[in-house]
PDB file of N, CA and C in Angstrom:
ATOM      1  N   MET A   1     131.951 190.832 183.135  1.00  0.00           N
ATOM      2  CA  MET A   1     132.124 189.556 182.202  1.00  0.00           C
ATOM      3  C   MET A   1     131.505 188.517 183.113  1.00  0.00           C
ATOM      4  N   ALA A   2     130.987 187.540 183.032  1.00  0.00           N
ATOM      5  CA  ALA A   2     130.395 186.368 183.560  1.00  0.00           C
ATOM      6  C   ALA A   2     131.083 185.579 183.649  1.00  0.00           C
ATOM      7  N   GLU A   3     131.577 184.805 184.817  1.00  0.00           N
ATOM      8  CA  GLU A   3     132.381 183.702 185.092  1.00  0.00           C
ATOM      9  C   GLU A   3     131.975 182.715 184.865  1.00  0.00           C
ATOM     10  N   VAL A   4     132.525 181.560 184.003  1.00  0.00           N
ATOM     11  CA  VAL A   4     132.020 180.432 183.409  1.00  0.00           C
ATOM     12  C   VAL A   4     132.935 179.447 184.515  1.00  0.00           C
ATOM     13  N   LYS A   5     132.439 178.588 184.992  1.00  0.00           N
ATOM     14  CA  LYS A   5     132.870 177.362 185.387  1.00  0.00           C
ATOM     15  C   LYS A   5     132.356 176.009 185.414  1.00  0.00           C
ATOM     16  N   VAL A   6     133.626 174.986 185.545  1.00  0.00           N
ATOM     17  CA  VAL A   6     133.265 173.753 185.187  1.00  0.00           C
ATOM     18  C   VAL A   6     132.667 172.907 186.532  1.00  0.00           C
ATOM     19  N   LEU A   7     131.349 172.341 186.728  1.00  0.00           N
ATOM     20  CA  LEU A   7     131.458 171.550 187.595  1.00  0.00           C
ATOM     21  C   LEU A   7     131.111 170.145 187.402  1.00  0.00           C
ATOM     22  N   SER A   8     131.396 169.185 188.018  1.00  0.00           N
ATOM     23  CA  SER A   8     131.310 167.947 188.166  1.00  0.00           C
ATOM     24  C   SER A   8     130.070 167.619 188.794  1.00  0.00           C
ATOM     25  N   GLY A   9     129.640 166.207 188.405  1.00  0.00           N
ATOM     26  CA  GLY A   9     128.307 165.828 189.247  1.00  0.00           C
ATOM     27  C   GLY A   9     126.973 165.646 188.113  1.00  0.00           C
ATOM     28  N   THR A  10     126.236 165.295 188.794  1.00  0.00           N
ATOM     29  CA  THR A  10     124.938 165.107 187.728  1.00  0.00           C
ATOM     30  C   THR A  10     123.549 165.593 188.213  1.00  0.00           C
ATOM     31  N   SER A  11     123.529 166.233 189.114  1.00  0.00           N
ATOM     32  CA  SER A  11     122.525 166.851 189.895  1.00  0.00           C
ATOM     33  C   SER A  11     121.824 167.728 189.136  1.00  0.00           C
ATOM     34  N   PHE A  12     122.664 168.436 188.281  1.00  0.00           N
ATOM     35  CA  PHE A  12     122.194 169.279 187.483  1.00  0.00           C
ATOM     36  C   PHE A  12     121.332 169.578 186.332  1.00  0.00           C
ATOM     37  N   PHE A  13     121.794 168.253 185.675  1.00  0.00           N
ATOM     38  CA  PHE A  13     120.803 167.985 184.678  1.00  0.00           C
ATOM     39  C   PHE A  13     120.302 166.377 184.385  1.00  0.00           C
ATOM     40  N   THR A  14     119.912 166.161 186.106  1.00  0.00           N
ATOM     41  CA  THR A  14     119.125 164.719 186.116  1.00  0.00           C
ATOM     42  C   THR A  14     117.944 164.611 185.564  1.00  0.00           C
ATOM     43  N   ALA A  15     116.896 166.287 185.729  1.00  0.00           N
ATOM     44  CA  ALA A  15     115.755 166.481 185.727  1.00  0.00           C
ATOM     45  C   ALA A  15     115.566 166.360 183.730  1.00  0.00           C
ATOM     46  N   ASN A  16     116.642 167.146 183.461  1.00  0.00           N
ATOM     47  CA  ASN A  16     116.039 167.271 181.782  1.00  0.00           C
ATOM     48  C   ASN A  16     116.551 165.309 181.218  1.00  0.00           C
ATOM     49  N   ALA A  17     117.763 165.295 181.884  1.00  0.00           N
ATOM     50  CA  ALA A  17     117.574 163.818 181.401  1.00  0.00           C
ATOM     51  C   ALA A  17     116.632 162.677 181.846  1.00  0.00           C
ATOM     52  N   THR A  18     115.956 162.658 182.790  1.00  0.00           N
ATOM     53  CA  THR A  18     114.745 161.784 183.099  1.00  0.00           C
ATOM     54  C   THR A  18     113.750 162.262 182.374  1.00  0.00           C
ATOM     55  N   GLY A  19     113.421 163.339 181.894  1.00  0.00           N
ATOM     56  CA  GLY A  19     112.583 163.549 181.239  1.00  0.00           C
ATOM     57  C   GLY A  19     112.754 163.178 179.542  1.00  0.00           C
ATOM     58  N   TYR A  20     114.130 163.056 178.908  1.00  0.00           N
ATOM     59  CA  TYR A  20     114.279 162.618 177.625  1.00  0.00           C
ATOM     60  C   TYR A  20     114.066 160.934 177.640  1.00  0.00           C
ATOM     61  N   ILE A  21     114.844 160.388 179.039  1.00  0.00           N
ATOM     62  CA  ILE A  21     114.706 159.274 178.930  1.00  0.00           C
ATOM     63  C   ILE A  21     113.333 158.476 178.914  1.00  0.00           C
ATOM     64  N   SER A  22     112.694 159.318 179.835  1.00  0.00           N
ATOM     65  CA  SER A  22     110.980 158.938 179.537  1.00  0.00           C
ATOM     66  C   SER A  22     110.733 158.804 178.441  1.00  0.00           C
ATOM     67  N   LYS A  23     110.833 159.659 177.105  1.00  0.00           N
ATOM     68  CA  LYS A  23     110.434 159.504 176.294  1.00  0.00           C
ATOM     69  C   LYS A  23     110.878 158.329 175.378  1.00  0.00           C
ATOM     70  N   LEU A  24     112.102 157.771 175.590  1.00  0.00           N
ATOM     71  CA  LEU A  24     112.411 156.556 174.895  1.00  0.00           C
ATOM     72  C   LEU A  24     111.822 155.225 175.066  1.00  0.00           C
ATOM     73  N   ILE A  25     111.251 155.090 176.434  1.00  0.00           N
ATOM     74  CA  ILE A  25     110.173 154.281 177.160  1.00  0.00           C
ATOM     75  C   ILE A  25     109.247 153.967 176.414  1.00  0.00           C
ATOM     76  N   PRO A  26     108.531 152.800 176.196  1.00  0.00           N
ATOM     77  CA  PRO A  26     107.200 152.530 175.929  1.00  0.00           C
ATOM     78  C   PRO A  26     106.064 152.700 176.637  1.00  0.00           C
ATOM     79  N   ASP A  27     105.076 153.036 176.508  1.00  0.00           N
ATOM     80  CA  ASP A  27     104.083 152.878 177.554  1.00  0.00           C
ATOM     81  C   ASP A  27     103.905 151.394 178.439  1.00  0.00           C
ATOM     82  N   ASP A  28     104.260 150.470 177.549  1.00  0.00           N
ATOM     83  CA  ASP A  28     103.862 149.206 177.654  1.00  0.00           C
ATOM     84  C   ASP A  28     105.442 148.796 178.797  1.00  0.00           C
ATOM     85  N   PHE A  29     106.270 149.302 178.647  1.00  0.00           N
ATOM     86  CA  PHE A  29     107.835 149.193 179.300  1.00  0.00           C
ATOM     87  C   PHE A  29     108.058 147.607 178.319  1.00  0.00           C
ATOM     88  N   SER A  30     107.801 147.554 177.228  1.00  0.00           N
ATOM     89  CA  SER A  30     108.371 146.282 176.727  1.00  0.00           C
ATOM     90  C   SER A  30     109.665 146.543 175.848  1.00  0.00           C
ATOM     91  N   LEU A  31     110.587 147.743 176.198  1.00  0.00           N
ATOM     92  CA  LEU A  31     111.667 147.771 175.472  1.00  0.00           C
ATOM     93  C   LEU A  31     112.698 147.397 176.631  1.00  0.00           C
ATOM     94  N   PRO A  32     113.710 146.778 176.422  1.00  0.00           N
ATOM     95  CA  PRO A  32     114.293 145.946 177.123  1.00  0.00           C
ATOM     96  C   PRO A  32     115.614 146.939 177.811  1.00  0.00           C
ATOM     97  N   PHE A  33     116.215 146.724 179.126  1.00  0.00           N
ATOM     98  CA  PHE A  33     117.167 148.079 179.834  1.00  0.00           C
ATOM     99  C   PHE A  33     118.273 148.575 178.682  1.00  0.00           C
ATOM    100  N   LYS A  34     118.907 147.403 178.400  1.00  0.00           N
ATOM    101  CA  LYS A  34     120.048 147.607 177.171  1.00  0.00           C
ATOM    102  C   LYS A  34     119.970 148.009 175.995  1.00  0.00           C
ATOM    103  N   ASP A  35     118.435 148.285 175.313  1.00  0.00           N
ATOM    104  CA  ASP A  35     118.124 148.760 174.282  1.00  0.00           C
ATOM    105  C   ASP A  35     117.831 150.626 174.599  1.00  0.00           C
ATOM    106  N   ILE A  36     117.117 150.670 175.878  1.00  0.00           N
ATOM    107  CA  ILE A  36     117.325 152.050 175.991  1.00  0.00           C
ATOM    108  C   ILE A  36     118.632 152.663 176.413  1.00  0.00           C
ATOM    109  N   LEU A  37     119.389 151.748 176.966  1.00  0.00           N
ATOM    110  CA  LEU A  37     120.846 152.299 177.179  1.00  0.00           C
ATOM    111  C   LEU A  37     121.798 152.773 175.913  1.00  0.00           C
ATOM    112  N   HIS A  38     121.437 151.796 174.807  1.00  0.00           N
ATOM    113  CA  HIS A  38     122.047 151.851 173.625  1.00  0.00           C
ATOM    114  C   HIS A  38     121.133 153.383 172.810  1.00  0.00           C
ATOM    115  N   ARG A  39     120.102 153.261 172.916  1.00  0.00           N
ATOM    116  CA  ARG A  39     119.557 154.530 172.102  1.00  0.00           C
ATOM    117  C   ARG A  39     120.415 155.800 173.019  1.00  0.00           C
ATOM    118  N   LEU A  40     120.383 155.582 174.276  1.00  0.00           N
ATOM    119  CA  LEU A  40     120.791 157.012 174.801  1.00  0.00           C
ATOM    120  C   LEU A  40     122.286 157.634 174.636  1.00  0.00           C
ATOM    121  N   LYS A  41     122.650 156.003 174.510  1.00  0.00           N
ATOM    122  CA  LYS A  41     124.413 156.480 173.938  1.00  0.00           C
ATOM    123  C   LYS A  41     124.410 156.894 172.478  1.00  0.00           C
ATOM    124  N   GLN A  42     123.396 156.616 172.018  1.00  0.00           N
ATOM    125  CA  GLN A  42     123.529 156.893 170.227  1.00  0.00           C
ATOM    126  C   GLN A  42     123.100 158.526 170.169  1.00  0.00           C
ATOM    127  N   LYS A  43     122.713 158.908 171.289  1.00  0.00           N
ATOM    128  CA  LYS A  43     122.393 160.196 171.382  1.00  0.00           C
ATOM    129  C   LYS A  43     122.971 161.257 172.073  1.00  0.00           C
ATOM    130  N   THR A  44     124.540 160.767 172.211  1.00  0.00           N
ATOM    131  CA  THR A  44     125.267 161.493 173.219  1.00  0.00           C
ATOM    132  C   THR A  44     126.525 161.544 172.154  1.00  0.00           C
ATOM    133  N   GLN A  45     127.160 162.999 172.764  1.00  0.00           N
ATOM    134  CA  GLN A  45     128.323 163.337 171.682  1.00  0.00           C
ATOM    135  C   GLN A  45     129.529 163.279 172.471  1.00  0.00           C
ATOM    136  N   THR A  46     130.649 162.463 172.275  1.00  0.00           N
ATOM    137  CA  THR A  46     131.380 163.149 173.572  1.00  0.00           C
ATOM    138  C   THR A  46     132.446 163.899 173.912  1.00  0.00           C
ATOM    139  N   LEU A  47     133.050 164.225 174.799  1.00  0.00           N
ATOM    140  CA  LEU A  47     133.458 165.603 175.098  1.00  0.00           C
ATOM    141  C   LEU A  47     134.595 165.535 175.298  1.00  0.00           C
ATOM    142  N   ASN A  48     135.286 164.306 175.453  1.00  0.00           N
ATOM    143  CA  ASN A  48     136.584 163.903 175.857  1.00  0.00           C
ATOM    144  C   ASN A  48     136.811 162.714 174.542  1.00  0.00           C
ATOM    145  N   ASN A  49     138.274 162.730 174.527  1.00  0.00           N
ATOM    146  CA  ASN A  49     138.273 161.399 173.125  1.00  0.00           C
ATOM    147  C   ASN A  49     138.395 160.100 173.584  1.00  0.00           C
ATOM    148  N   ASP A  50     137.794 160.104 174.914  1.00  0.00           N
ATOM    149  CA  ASP A  50     137.357 158.491 175.396  1.00  0.00           C
ATOM    150  C   ASP A  50     135.685 158.380 175.195  1.00  0.00           C
ATOM    151  N   GLU A  51     135.244 157.046 175.332  1.00  0.00           N
ATOM    152  CA  GLU A  51     133.948 157.098 175.220  1.00  0.00           C
ATOM    153  C   GLU A  51     133.377 157.324 176.154  1.00  0.00           C
ATOM    154  N   ARG A  52     133.848 157.079 177.573  1.00  0.00           N
ATOM    155  CA  ARG A  52     133.329 157.699 178.689  1.00  0.00           C
ATOM    156  C   ARG A  52     134.616 158.205 179.973  1.00  0.00           C
ATOM    157  N   ASP A  53     134.122 159.344 180.262  1.00  0.00           N
ATOM    158  CA  ASP A  53     135.221 159.728 181.546  1.00  0.00           C
ATOM    159  C   ASP A  53     134.378 160.090 182.689  1.00  0.00           C
ATOM    160  N   SER A  54     135.340 160.246 183.757  1.00  0.00           N
ATOM    161  CA  SER A  54     134.906 160.579 185.116  1.00  0.00           C
ATOM    162  C   SER A  54     134.052 162.357 185.009  1.00  0.00           C
ATOM    163  N   THR A  55     134.445 162.839 184.254  1.00  0.00           N
ATOM    164  CA  THR A  55     133.812 164.370 184.364  1.00  0.00           C
ATOM    165  C   THR A  55     132.859 164.099 183.841  1.00  0.00           C
ATOM    166  N   TYR A  56     132.856 163.743 182.432  1.00  0.00           N
ATOM    167  CA  TYR A  56     131.744 164.053 181.372  1.00  0.00           C
ATOM    168  C   TYR A  56     130.648 162.920 181.034  1.00  0.00           C
ATOM    169  N   GLY A  57     131.182 161.368 181.721  1.00  0.00           N
ATOM    170  CA  GLY A  57     130.234 160.832 181.874  1.00  0.00           C
ATOM    171  C   GLY A  57     130.002 160.063 180.003  1.00  0.00           C
ATOM    172  N   TYR A  58     129.257 160.049 179.519  1.00  0.00           N
ATOM    173  CA  TYR A  58     129.425 159.532 178.092  1.00  0.00           C
ATOM    174  C   TYR A  58     128.915 160.921 177.049  1.00  0.00           C
ATOM    175  N   GLY A  59     129.146 161.882 177.724  1.00  0.00           N
ATOM    176  CA  GLY A  59     129.242 162.962 177.038  1.00  0.00           C
ATOM    177  C   GLY A  59     128.025 163.823 176.879  1.00  0.00           C
ATOM    178  N   LEU A  60     127.641 164.989 175.772  1.00  0.00           N
ATOM    179  CA  LEU A  60     126.514 165.646 176.084  1.00  0.00           C
ATOM    180  C   LEU A  60     125.132 164.838 175.166  1.00  0.00           C
ATOM    181  N   LEU A  61     124.291 164.941 176.316  1.00  0.00           N
ATOM    182  CA  LEU A  61     122.944 164.336 175.442  1.00  0.00           C
ATOM    183  C   LEU A  61     122.421 165.620 174.706  1.00  0.00           C
ATOM    184  N   LEU A  62     122.252 165.042 173.637  1.00  0.00           N
ATOM    185  CA  LEU A  62     121.634 165.713 172.562  1.00  0.00           C
ATOM    186  C   LEU A  62     120.259 165.470 171.889  1.00  0.00           C
ATOM    187  N   ASN A  63     119.537 166.470 172.555  1.00  0.00           N
ATOM    188  CA  ASN A  63     118.001 166.412 172.574  1.00  0.00           C
ATOM    189  C   ASN A  63     117.333 166.569 171.047  1.00  0.00           C
ATOM    190  N   LYS A  64     117.793 165.702 170.357  1.00  0.00           N
ATOM    191  CA  LYS A  64     117.360 166.018 169.001  1.00  0.00           C
ATOM    192  C   LYS A  64     116.462 164.842 168.555  1.00  0.00           C
ATOM    193  N   ASN A  65     115.531 165.264 167.646  1.00  0.00           N
ATOM    194  CA  ASN A  65     114.931 163.496 167.135  1.00  0.00           C
ATOM    195  C   ASN A  65     115.625 162.701 165.966  1.00  0.00           C
TER     196      ASN A  65
END
């Protein structure tokens, strides 16, 4: 049976998140940072009861349209 571990840190998902965020930014960079951040937060599912925590950040990034 495979062993499952919880790891903290962001390096494992950085490339995926960067690719996803690049799809949110228009080619002319006209969207303000706060709007990009708002859209990104809308696409997350919290993994704890809090909005943000030190282990999971804002939660799971859902890659759905």
